[in-house]
Amino acid sequence: AIKREMEEETGYRAHYWRKIGAFFLCPGYSDEMIHVYLAKDLELLTQKLPGDEDEDITVQTYTRSEVEDLIRMPSLTLVDSKSITAFYMALSYLD
């Protein structure tokens, strides 16, 4: 499912996948577990959103340094805890 969703929503296909961990989103409140995968060796395809009116996805790419700056910015540019946690989990696997 994650491979299909990545292709549909981002327009990229990864040729390398590795599960790098999992974490509870809100322990004590929910038992929802977030699974984190590293996708590498990307091939650009065409974004194919399923036509849901509430899905308006714009894909942007950033360097590691740019993501770190977005996390630290006082304007709280990147405040999604799932993305921040996954980013820091992936750092040890990146060149």
PDB file of N, CA and C in Angstrom:
ATOM      1  N   ALA A   1       0.816  -1.197   0.000  1.00  0.00           N
ATOM      2  CA  ALA A   1       0.000   0.000   0.000  1.00  0.00           C
ATOM      3  C   ALA A   1       0.863   1.265   0.000  1.00  0.00           C
ATOM      4  N   ILE A   2       1.955   1.235   0.770  1.00  0.00           N
ATOM      5  CA  ILE A   2       2.794   2.433   0.841  1.00  0.00           C
ATOM      6  C   ILE A   2       3.442   2.742  -0.511  1.00  0.00           C
ATOM      7  N   LYS A   3       3.806   1.717  -1.253  1.00  0.00           N
ATOM      8  CA  LYS A   3       4.415   1.932  -2.569  1.00  0.00           C
ATOM      9  C   LYS A   3       3.401   2.565  -3.522  1.00  0.00           C
ATOM     10  N   ARG A   4       2.175   2.066  -3.495  1.00  0.00           N
ATOM     11  CA  ARG A   4       1.113   2.621  -4.354  1.00  0.00           C
ATOM     12  C   ARG A   4       0.814   4.061  -3.965  1.00  0.00           C
ATOM     13  N   GLU A   5       0.678   4.316  -2.681  1.00  0.00           N
ATOM     14  CA  GLU A   5       0.368   5.663  -2.207  1.00  0.00           C
ATOM     15  C   GLU A   5       1.479   6.647  -2.566  1.00  0.00           C
ATOM     16  N   MET A   6       2.726   6.222  -2.446  1.00  0.00           N
ATOM     17  CA  MET A   6       3.829   7.122  -2.786  1.00  0.00           C
ATOM     18  C   MET A   6       3.767   7.503  -4.263  1.00  0.00           C
ATOM     19  N   GLU A   7       3.517   6.526  -5.124  1.00  0.00           N
ATOM     20  CA  GLU A   7       3.432   6.821  -6.556  1.00  0.00           C
ATOM     21  C   GLU A   7       2.251   7.721  -6.873  1.00  0.00           C
ATOM     22  N   GLU A   8       1.087   7.431  -6.296  1.00  0.00           N
ATOM     23  CA  GLU A   8      -0.107   8.234  -6.568  1.00  0.00           C
ATOM     24  C   GLU A   8       0.048   9.664  -6.069  1.00  0.00           C
ATOM     25  N   GLU A   9       0.506   9.815  -4.833  1.00  0.00           N
ATOM     26  CA  GLU A   9       0.491  11.121  -4.195  1.00  0.00           C
ATOM     27  C   GLU A   9       1.714  11.982  -4.505  1.00  0.00           C
ATOM     28  N   THR A  10       2.867  11.354  -4.742  1.00  0.00           N
ATOM     29  CA  THR A  10       4.073  12.148  -4.991  1.00  0.00           C
ATOM     30  C   THR A  10       4.539  12.099  -6.438  1.00  0.00           C
ATOM     31  N   GLY A  11       4.157  11.053  -7.159  1.00  0.00           N
ATOM     32  CA  GLY A  11       4.646  10.898  -8.529  1.00  0.00           C
ATOM     33  C   GLY A  11       6.030  10.289  -8.594  1.00  0.00           C
ATOM     34  N   TYR A  12       6.510   9.729  -7.487  1.00  0.00           N
ATOM     35  CA  TYR A  12       7.820   9.076  -7.450  1.00  0.00           C
ATOM     36  C   TYR A  12       7.655   7.589  -7.165  1.00  0.00           C
ATOM     37  N   ARG A  13       8.549   6.785  -7.752  1.00  0.00           N
ATOM     38  CA  ARG A  13       8.639   5.350  -7.449  1.00  0.00           C
ATOM     39  C   ARG A  13      10.015   5.118  -6.836  1.00  0.00           C
ATOM     40  N   ALA A  14      10.041   4.423  -5.713  1.00  0.00           N
ATOM     41  CA  ALA A  14      11.312   4.083  -5.073  1.00  0.00           C
ATOM     42  C   ALA A  14      11.707   2.666  -5.472  1.00  0.00           C
ATOM     43  N   HIS A  15      12.989   2.487  -5.746  1.00  0.00           N
ATOM     44  CA  HIS A  15      13.493   1.159  -6.094  1.00  0.00           C
ATOM     45  C   HIS A  15      14.190   0.501  -4.908  1.00  0.00           C
ATOM     46  N   TYR A  16      14.265   1.210  -3.795  1.00  0.00           N
ATOM     47  CA  TYR A  16      14.855   0.667  -2.567  1.00  0.00           C
ATOM     48  C   TYR A  16      13.949   1.061  -1.403  1.00  0.00           C
ATOM     49  N   TRP A  17      13.559   0.079  -0.608  1.00  0.00           N
ATOM     50  CA  TRP A  17      12.714   0.316   0.562  1.00  0.00           C
ATOM     51  C   TRP A  17      13.333  -0.359   1.777  1.00  0.00           C
ATOM     52  N   ARG A  18      13.262   0.320   2.905  1.00  0.00           N
ATOM     53  CA  ARG A  18      13.716  -0.277   4.157  1.00  0.00           C
ATOM     54  C   ARG A  18      12.866   0.253   5.296  1.00  0.00           C
ATOM     55  N   LYS A  19      12.315  -0.662   6.081  1.00  0.00           N
ATOM     56  CA  LYS A  19      11.579  -0.231   7.273  1.00  0.00           C
ATOM     57  C   LYS A  19      12.613   0.146   8.319  1.00  0.00           C
ATOM     58  N   ILE A  20      12.502   1.370   8.840  1.00  0.00           N
ATOM     59  CA  ILE A  20      13.514   1.844   9.790  1.00  0.00           C
ATOM     60  C   ILE A  20      12.976   2.031  11.198  1.00  0.00           C
ATOM     61  N   GLY A  21      11.698   1.775  11.402  1.00  0.00           N
ATOM     62  CA  GLY A  21      11.175   1.873  12.756  1.00  0.00           C
ATOM     63  C   GLY A  21       9.685   2.128  12.793  1.00  0.00           C
ATOM     64  N   ALA A  22       9.210   2.321  14.018  1.00  0.00           N
ATOM     65  CA  ALA A  22       7.795   2.604  14.248  1.00  0.00           C
ATOM     66  C   ALA A  22       7.677   3.357  15.569  1.00  0.00           C
ATOM     67  N   PHE A  23       6.600   4.094  15.729  1.00  0.00           N
ATOM     68  CA  PHE A  23       6.369   4.801  16.989  1.00  0.00           C
ATOM     69  C   PHE A  23       4.874   5.016  17.175  1.00  0.00           C
ATOM     70  N   PHE A  24       4.476   5.160  18.421  1.00  0.00           N
ATOM     71  CA  PHE A  24       3.085   5.462  18.734  1.00  0.00           C
ATOM     72  C   PHE A  24       2.854   6.955  18.522  1.00  0.00           C
ATOM     73  N   LEU A  25       1.774   7.285  17.881  1.00  0.00           N
ATOM     74  CA  LEU A  25       1.461   8.681  17.609  1.00  0.00           C
ATOM     75  C   LEU A  25       1.130   9.429  18.894  1.00  0.00           C
ATOM     76  N   CYS A  26       0.315   8.826  19.731  1.00  0.00           N
ATOM     77  CA  CYS A  26      -0.148   9.503  20.942  1.00  0.00           C
ATOM     78  C   CYS A  26      -0.385   8.464  22.047  1.00  0.00           C
ATOM     79  N   PRO A  27       0.688   7.902  22.620  1.00  0.00           N
ATOM     80  CA  PRO A  27       0.508   6.853  23.625  1.00  0.00           C
ATOM     81  C   PRO A  27      -0.327   7.351  24.806  1.00  0.00           C
ATOM     82  N   GLY A  28      -1.149   6.480  25.310  1.00  0.00           N
ATOM     83  CA  GLY A  28      -2.038   6.842  26.402  1.00  0.00           C
ATOM     84  C   GLY A  28      -3.375   7.356  25.910  1.00  0.00           C
ATOM     85  N   TYR A  29      -3.398   7.851  24.689  1.00  0.00           N
ATOM     86  CA  TYR A  29      -4.623   8.384  24.098  1.00  0.00           C
ATOM     87  C   TYR A  29      -5.105   7.491  22.967  1.00  0.00           C
ATOM     88  N   SER A  30      -4.155   6.904  22.252  1.00  0.00           N
ATOM     89  CA  SER A  30      -4.483   6.108  21.076  1.00  0.00           C
ATOM     90  C   SER A  30      -3.464   4.987  20.933  1.00  0.00           C
ATOM     91  N   ASP A  31      -3.883   3.896  20.310  1.00  0.00           N
ATOM     92  CA  ASP A  31      -2.944   2.813  20.042  1.00  0.00           C
ATOM     93  C   ASP A  31      -2.449   2.853  18.590  1.00  0.00           C
ATOM     94  N   GLU A  32      -2.656   3.997  17.916  1.00  0.00           N
ATOM     95  CA  GLU A  32      -2.218   4.140  16.522  1.00  0.00           C
ATOM     96  C   GLU A  32      -0.697   4.113  16.446  1.00  0.00           C
ATOM     97  N   MET A  33      -0.168   3.216  15.609  1.00  0.00           N
ATOM     98  CA  MET A  33       1.270   3.066  15.419  1.00  0.00           C
ATOM     99  C   MET A  33       1.624   3.582  14.029  1.00  0.00           C
ATOM    100  N   ILE A  34       2.657   4.416  13.955  1.00  0.00           N
ATOM    101  CA  ILE A  34       3.165   4.942  12.696  1.00  0.00           C
ATOM    102  C   ILE A  34       4.405   4.126  12.319  1.00  0.00           C
ATOM    103  N   HIS A  35       4.410   3.566  11.122  1.00  0.00           N
ATOM    104  CA  HIS A  35       5.540   2.783  10.631  1.00  0.00           C
ATOM    105  C   HIS A  35       6.338   3.670   9.676  1.00  0.00           C
ATOM    106  N   VAL A  36       7.651   3.688   9.844  1.00  0.00           N
ATOM    107  CA  VAL A  36       8.516   4.580   9.072  1.00  0.00           C
ATOM    108  C   VAL A  36       9.375   3.758   8.116  1.00  0.00           C
ATOM    109  N   TYR A  37       9.349   4.157   6.845  1.00  0.00           N
ATOM    110  CA  TYR A  37      10.128   3.504   5.807  1.00  0.00           C
ATOM    111  C   TYR A  37      11.038   4.522   5.146  1.00  0.00           C
ATOM    112  N   LEU A  38      12.214   4.064   4.752  1.00  0.00           N
ATOM    113  CA  LEU A  38      13.125   4.880   3.967  1.00  0.00           C
ATOM    114  C   LEU A  38      12.984   4.442   2.518  1.00  0.00           C
ATOM    115  N   ALA A  39      12.710   5.383   1.647  1.00  0.00           N
ATOM    116  CA  ALA A  39      12.584   5.115   0.213  1.00  0.00           C
ATOM    117  C   ALA A  39      13.723   5.833  -0.495  1.00  0.00           C
ATOM    118  N   LYS A  40      14.502   5.074  -1.277  1.00  0.00           N
ATOM    119  CA  LYS A  40      15.646   5.659  -1.998  1.00  0.00           C
ATOM    120  C   LYS A  40      15.632   5.198  -3.444  1.00  0.00           C
ATOM    121  N   ASP A  41      16.577   5.700  -4.211  1.00  0.00           N
ATOM    122  CA  ASP A  41      16.700   5.387  -5.635  1.00  0.00           C
ATOM    123  C   ASP A  41      15.374   5.709  -6.323  1.00  0.00           C
ATOM    124  N   LEU A  42      15.009   6.985  -6.290  1.00  0.00           N
ATOM    125  CA  LEU A  42      13.705   7.439  -6.763  1.00  0.00           C
ATOM    126  C   LEU A  42      13.668   7.658  -8.270  1.00  0.00           C
ATOM    127  N   GLU A  43      12.540   7.317  -8.845  1.00  0.00           N
ATOM    128  CA  GLU A  43      12.275   7.531 -10.268  1.00  0.00           C
ATOM    129  C   GLU A  43      11.053   8.436 -10.371  1.00  0.00           C
ATOM    130  N   LEU A  44      11.188   9.532 -11.098  1.00  0.00           N
ATOM    131  CA  LEU A  44      10.080  10.466 -11.255  1.00  0.00           C
ATOM    132  C   LEU A  44       9.087   9.931 -12.281  1.00  0.00           C
ATOM    133  N   LEU A  45       7.844   9.795 -11.865  1.00  0.00           N
ATOM    134  CA  LEU A  45       6.747   9.374 -12.732  1.00  0.00           C
ATOM    135  C   LEU A  45       5.792  10.554 -12.862  1.00  0.00           C
ATOM    136  N   THR A  46       4.515  10.279 -12.920  1.00  0.00           N
ATOM    137  CA  THR A  46       3.489  11.310 -12.948  1.00  0.00           C
ATOM    138  C   THR A  46       2.605  11.149 -11.728  1.00  0.00           C
ATOM    139  N   GLN A  47       2.353  12.244 -11.029  1.00  0.00           N
ATOM    140  CA  GLN A  47       1.461  12.225  -9.874  1.00  0.00           C
ATOM    141  C   GLN A  47       0.065  11.846 -10.347  1.00  0.00           C
ATOM    142  N   LYS A  48      -0.562  10.876  -9.669  1.00  0.00           N
ATOM    143  CA  LYS A  48      -1.887  10.393 -10.067  1.00  0.00           C
ATOM    144  C   LYS A  48      -2.824  10.399  -8.864  1.00  0.00           C
ATOM    145  N   LEU A  49      -3.231  11.576  -8.468  1.00  0.00           N
ATOM    146  CA  LEU A  49      -4.156  11.676  -7.340  1.00  0.00           C
ATOM    147  C   LEU A  49      -5.478  11.027  -7.726  1.00  0.00           C
ATOM    148  N   PRO A  50      -6.098  10.314  -6.788  1.00  0.00           N
ATOM    149  CA  PRO A  50      -7.317   9.567  -7.118  1.00  0.00           C
ATOM    150  C   PRO A  50      -8.546  10.421  -7.393  1.00  0.00           C
ATOM    151  N   GLY A  51      -8.425  11.725  -7.349  1.00  0.00           N
ATOM    152  CA  GLY A  51      -9.561  12.584  -7.662  1.00  0.00           C
ATOM    153  C   GLY A  51     -10.362  13.019  -6.450  1.00  0.00           C
ATOM    154  N   ASP A  52      -9.869  12.720  -5.255  1.00  0.00           N
ATOM    155  CA  ASP A  52     -10.551  13.179  -4.047  1.00  0.00           C
ATOM    156  C   ASP A  52     -10.473  14.696  -3.985  1.00  0.00           C
ATOM    157  N   GLU A  53     -11.601  15.335  -3.799  1.00  0.00           N
ATOM    158  CA  GLU A  53     -11.636  16.797  -3.780  1.00  0.00           C
ATOM    159  C   GLU A  53     -10.836  17.392  -2.629  1.00  0.00           C
ATOM    160  N   ASP A  54     -10.680  16.629  -1.527  1.00  0.00           N
ATOM    161  CA  ASP A  54      -9.978  17.163  -0.370  1.00  0.00           C
ATOM    162  C   ASP A  54      -8.469  16.920  -0.436  1.00  0.00           C
ATOM    163  N   GLU A  55      -7.985  16.278  -1.500  1.00  0.00           N
ATOM    164  CA  GLU A  55      -6.556  16.055  -1.648  1.00  0.00           C
ATOM    165  C   GLU A  55      -5.959  17.052  -2.642  1.00  0.00           C
ATOM    166  N   ASP A  56      -5.191  17.982  -2.113  1.00  0.00           N
ATOM    167  CA  ASP A  56      -4.488  18.956  -2.931  1.00  0.00           C
ATOM    168  C   ASP A  56      -3.032  18.885  -2.497  1.00  0.00           C
ATOM    169  N   ILE A  57      -2.250  18.068  -3.172  1.00  0.00           N
ATOM    170  CA  ILE A  57      -0.888  17.777  -2.748  1.00  0.00           C
ATOM    171  C   ILE A  57       0.101  18.395  -3.727  1.00  0.00           C
ATOM    172  N   THR A  58       0.993  19.207  -3.187  1.00  0.00           N
ATOM    173  CA  THR A  58       2.082  19.777  -3.958  1.00  0.00           C
ATOM    174  C   THR A  58       3.373  19.166  -3.436  1.00  0.00           C
ATOM    175  N   VAL A  59       4.147  18.567  -4.314  1.00  0.00           N
ATOM    176  CA  VAL A  59       5.397  17.915  -3.923  1.00  0.00           C
ATOM    177  C   VAL A  59       6.534  18.918  -4.003  1.00  0.00           C
ATOM    178  N   GLN A  60       7.304  18.997  -2.933  1.00  0.00           N
ATOM    179  CA  GLN A  60       8.475  19.858  -2.884  1.00  0.00           C
ATOM    180  C   GLN A  60       9.639  19.041  -2.363  1.00  0.00           C
ATOM    181  N   THR A  61      10.827  19.275  -2.882  1.00  0.00           N
ATOM    182  CA  THR A  61      12.010  18.564  -2.402  1.00  0.00           C
ATOM    183  C   THR A  61      12.906  19.526  -1.634  1.00  0.00           C
ATOM    184  N   TYR A  62      13.571  18.984  -0.614  1.00  0.00           N
ATOM    185  CA  TYR A  62      14.444  19.778   0.244  1.00  0.00           C
ATOM    186  C   TYR A  62      15.714  18.995   0.537  1.00  0.00           C
ATOM    187  N   THR A  63      16.798  19.704   0.770  1.00  0.00           N
ATOM    188  CA  THR A  63      18.026  19.074   1.242  1.00  0.00           C
ATOM    189  C   THR A  63      17.877  18.802   2.743  1.00  0.00           C
ATOM    190  N   ARG A  64      18.772  18.002   3.267  1.00  0.00           N
ATOM    191  CA  ARG A  64      18.770  17.723   4.705  1.00  0.00           C
ATOM    192  C   ARG A  64      18.877  19.025   5.503  1.00  0.00           C
ATOM    193  N   SER A  65      19.774  19.901   5.073  1.00  0.00           N
ATOM    194  CA  SER A  65      19.973  21.177   5.750  1.00  0.00           C
ATOM    195  C   SER A  65      18.707  22.039   5.715  1.00  0.00           C
ATOM    196  N   GLU A  66      18.031  22.043   4.588  1.00  0.00           N
ATOM    197  CA  GLU A  66      16.793  22.823   4.468  1.00  0.00           C
ATOM    198  C   GLU A  66      15.704  22.291   5.393  1.00  0.00           C
ATOM    199  N   VAL A  67      15.595  20.973   5.517  1.00  0.00           N
ATOM    200  CA  VAL A  67      14.593  20.394   6.432  1.00  0.00           C
ATOM    201  C   VAL A  67      14.928  20.772   7.869  1.00  0.00           C
ATOM    202  N   GLU A  68      16.201  20.692   8.236  1.00  0.00           N
ATOM    203  CA  GLU A  68      16.603  21.081   9.593  1.00  0.00           C
ATOM    204  C   GLU A  68      16.257  22.542   9.861  1.00  0.00           C
ATOM    205  N   ASP A  69      16.463  23.401   8.867  1.00  0.00           N
ATOM    206  CA  ASP A  69      16.106  24.817   9.023  1.00  0.00           C
ATOM    207  C   ASP A  69      14.595  24.985   9.182  1.00  0.00           C
ATOM    208  N   LEU A  70      13.805  24.239   8.423  1.00  0.00           N
ATOM    209  CA  LEU A  70      12.344  24.329   8.527  1.00  0.00           C
ATOM    210  C   LEU A  70      11.860  23.912   9.909  1.00  0.00           C
ATOM    211  N   ILE A  71      12.496  22.905  10.488  1.00  0.00           N
ATOM    212  CA  ILE A  71      12.109  22.432  11.822  1.00  0.00           C
ATOM    213  C   ILE A  71      12.428  23.484  12.876  1.00  0.00           C
ATOM    214  N   ARG A  72      13.566  24.180  12.715  1.00  0.00           N
ATOM    215  CA  ARG A  72      14.012  25.148  13.725  1.00  0.00           C
ATOM    216  C   ARG A  72      13.438  26.545  13.556  1.00  0.00           C
ATOM    217  N   MET A  73      12.777  26.826  12.449  1.00  0.00           N
ATOM    218  CA  MET A  73      12.306  28.192  12.189  1.00  0.00           C
ATOM    219  C   MET A  73      11.272  28.621  13.230  1.00  0.00           C
ATOM    220  N   PRO A  74      11.394  29.835  13.720  1.00  0.00           N
ATOM    221  CA  PRO A  74      10.440  30.334  14.718  1.00  0.00           C
ATOM    222  C   PRO A  74       9.011  30.408  14.184  1.00  0.00           C
ATOM    223  N   SER A  75       8.854  30.493  12.875  1.00  0.00           N
ATOM    224  CA  SER A  75       7.505  30.585  12.318  1.00  0.00           C
ATOM    225  C   SER A  75       6.803  29.231  12.294  1.00  0.00           C
ATOM    226  N   LEU A  76       7.482  28.200  12.804  1.00  0.00           N
ATOM    227  CA  LEU A  76       6.914  26.848  12.874  1.00  0.00           C
ATOM    228  C   LEU A  76       6.473  26.341  11.507  1.00  0.00           C
ATOM    229  N   THR A  77       7.383  26.447  10.539  1.00  0.00           N
ATOM    230  CA  THR A  77       7.087  26.035   9.175  1.00  0.00           C
ATOM    231  C   THR A  77       6.782  24.545   9.090  1.00  0.00           C
ATOM    232  N   LEU A  78       7.568  23.725   9.779  1.00  0.00           N
ATOM    233  CA  LEU A  78       7.349  22.285   9.775  1.00  0.00           C
ATOM    234  C   LEU A  78       7.030  21.859  11.196  1.00  0.00           C
ATOM    235  N   VAL A  79       5.755  21.641  11.480  1.00  0.00           N
ATOM    236  CA  VAL A  79       5.334  21.318  12.841  1.00  0.00           C
ATOM    237  C   VAL A  79       4.659  19.949  12.949  1.00  0.00           C
ATOM    238  N   ASP A  80       4.618  19.212  11.865  1.00  0.00           N
ATOM    239  CA  ASP A  80       3.988  17.896  11.864  1.00  0.00           C
ATOM    240  C   ASP A  80       4.890  16.903  12.586  1.00  0.00           C
ATOM    241  N   SER A  81       4.457  16.417  13.735  1.00  0.00           N
ATOM    242  CA  SER A  81       5.301  15.540  14.549  1.00  0.00           C
ATOM    243  C   SER A  81       5.665  14.241  13.840  1.00  0.00           C
ATOM    244  N   LYS A  82       4.791  13.726  12.999  1.00  0.00           N
ATOM    245  CA  LYS A  82       5.096  12.491  12.275  1.00  0.00           C
ATOM    246  C   LYS A  82       6.260  12.711  11.312  1.00  0.00           C
ATOM    247  N   SER A  83       6.247  13.814  10.593  1.00  0.00           N
ATOM    248  CA  SER A  83       7.321  14.106   9.638  1.00  0.00           C
ATOM    249  C   SER A  83       8.643  14.372  10.351  1.00  0.00           C
ATOM    250  N   ILE A  84       8.595  15.123  11.429  1.00  0.00           N
ATOM    251  CA  ILE A  84       9.812  15.441  12.171  1.00  0.00           C
ATOM    252  C   ILE A  84      10.421  14.174  12.764  1.00  0.00           C
ATOM    253  N   THR A  85       9.604  13.329  13.364  1.00  0.00           N
ATOM    254  CA  THR A  85      10.093  12.085  13.947  1.00  0.00           C
ATOM    255  C   THR A  85      10.686  11.175  12.877  1.00  0.00           C
ATOM    256  N   ALA A  86      10.000  11.020  11.758  1.00  0.00           N
ATOM    257  CA  ALA A  86      10.499  10.166  10.673  1.00  0.00           C
ATOM    258  C   ALA A  86      11.810  10.704  10.117  1.00  0.00           C
ATOM    259  N   PHE A  87      11.921  12.028   9.987  1.00  0.00           N
ATOM    260  CA  PHE A  87      13.154  12.638   9.493  1.00  0.00           C
ATOM    261  C   PHE A  87      14.324  12.279  10.395  1.00  0.00           C
ATOM    262  N   TYR A  88      14.155  12.456  11.710  1.00  0.00           N
ATOM    263  CA  TYR A  88      15.249  12.167  12.618  1.00  0.00           C
ATOM    264  C   TYR A  88      15.548  10.672  12.689  1.00  0.00           C
ATOM    265  N   MET A  89      14.554   9.823  12.515  1.00  0.00           N
ATOM    266  CA  MET A  89      14.795   8.382  12.475  1.00  0.00           C
ATOM    267  C   MET A  89      15.617   8.005  11.238  1.00  0.00           C
ATOM    268  N   ALA A  90      15.429   8.717  10.143  1.00  0.00           N
ATOM    269  CA  ALA A  90      16.098   8.393   8.882  1.00  0.00           C
ATOM    270  C   ALA A  90      17.545   8.895   8.823  1.00  0.00           C
ATOM    271  N   LEU A  91      17.910   9.846   9.650  1.00  0.00           N
ATOM    272  CA  LEU A  91      19.227  10.465   9.527  1.00  0.00           C
ATOM    273  C   LEU A  91      20.376   9.463   9.553  1.00  0.00           C
ATOM    274  N   SER A  92      20.300   8.467  10.402  1.00  0.00           N
ATOM    275  CA  SER A  92      21.411   7.511  10.495  1.00  0.00           C
ATOM    276  C   SER A  92      21.532   6.619   9.258  1.00  0.00           C
ATOM    277  N   TYR A  93      20.525   6.634   8.382  1.00  0.00           N
ATOM    278  CA  TYR A  93      20.550   5.822   7.168  1.00  0.00           C
ATOM    279  C   TYR A  93      20.939   6.632   5.928  1.00  0.00           C
ATOM    280  N   LEU A  94      21.093   7.940   6.086  1.00  0.00           N
ATOM    281  CA  LEU A  94      21.392   8.807   4.954  1.00  0.00           C
ATOM    282  C   LEU A  94      22.889   9.021   4.821  1.00  0.00           C
ATOM    283  N   ASP A  95      23.320   9.278   3.597  1.00  0.00           N
ATOM    284  CA  ASP A  95      24.756   9.508   3.345  1.00  0.00           C
ATOM    285  C   ASP A  95      25.204  10.823   3.915  1.00  0.00           C
TER     286      ASP A  95
END
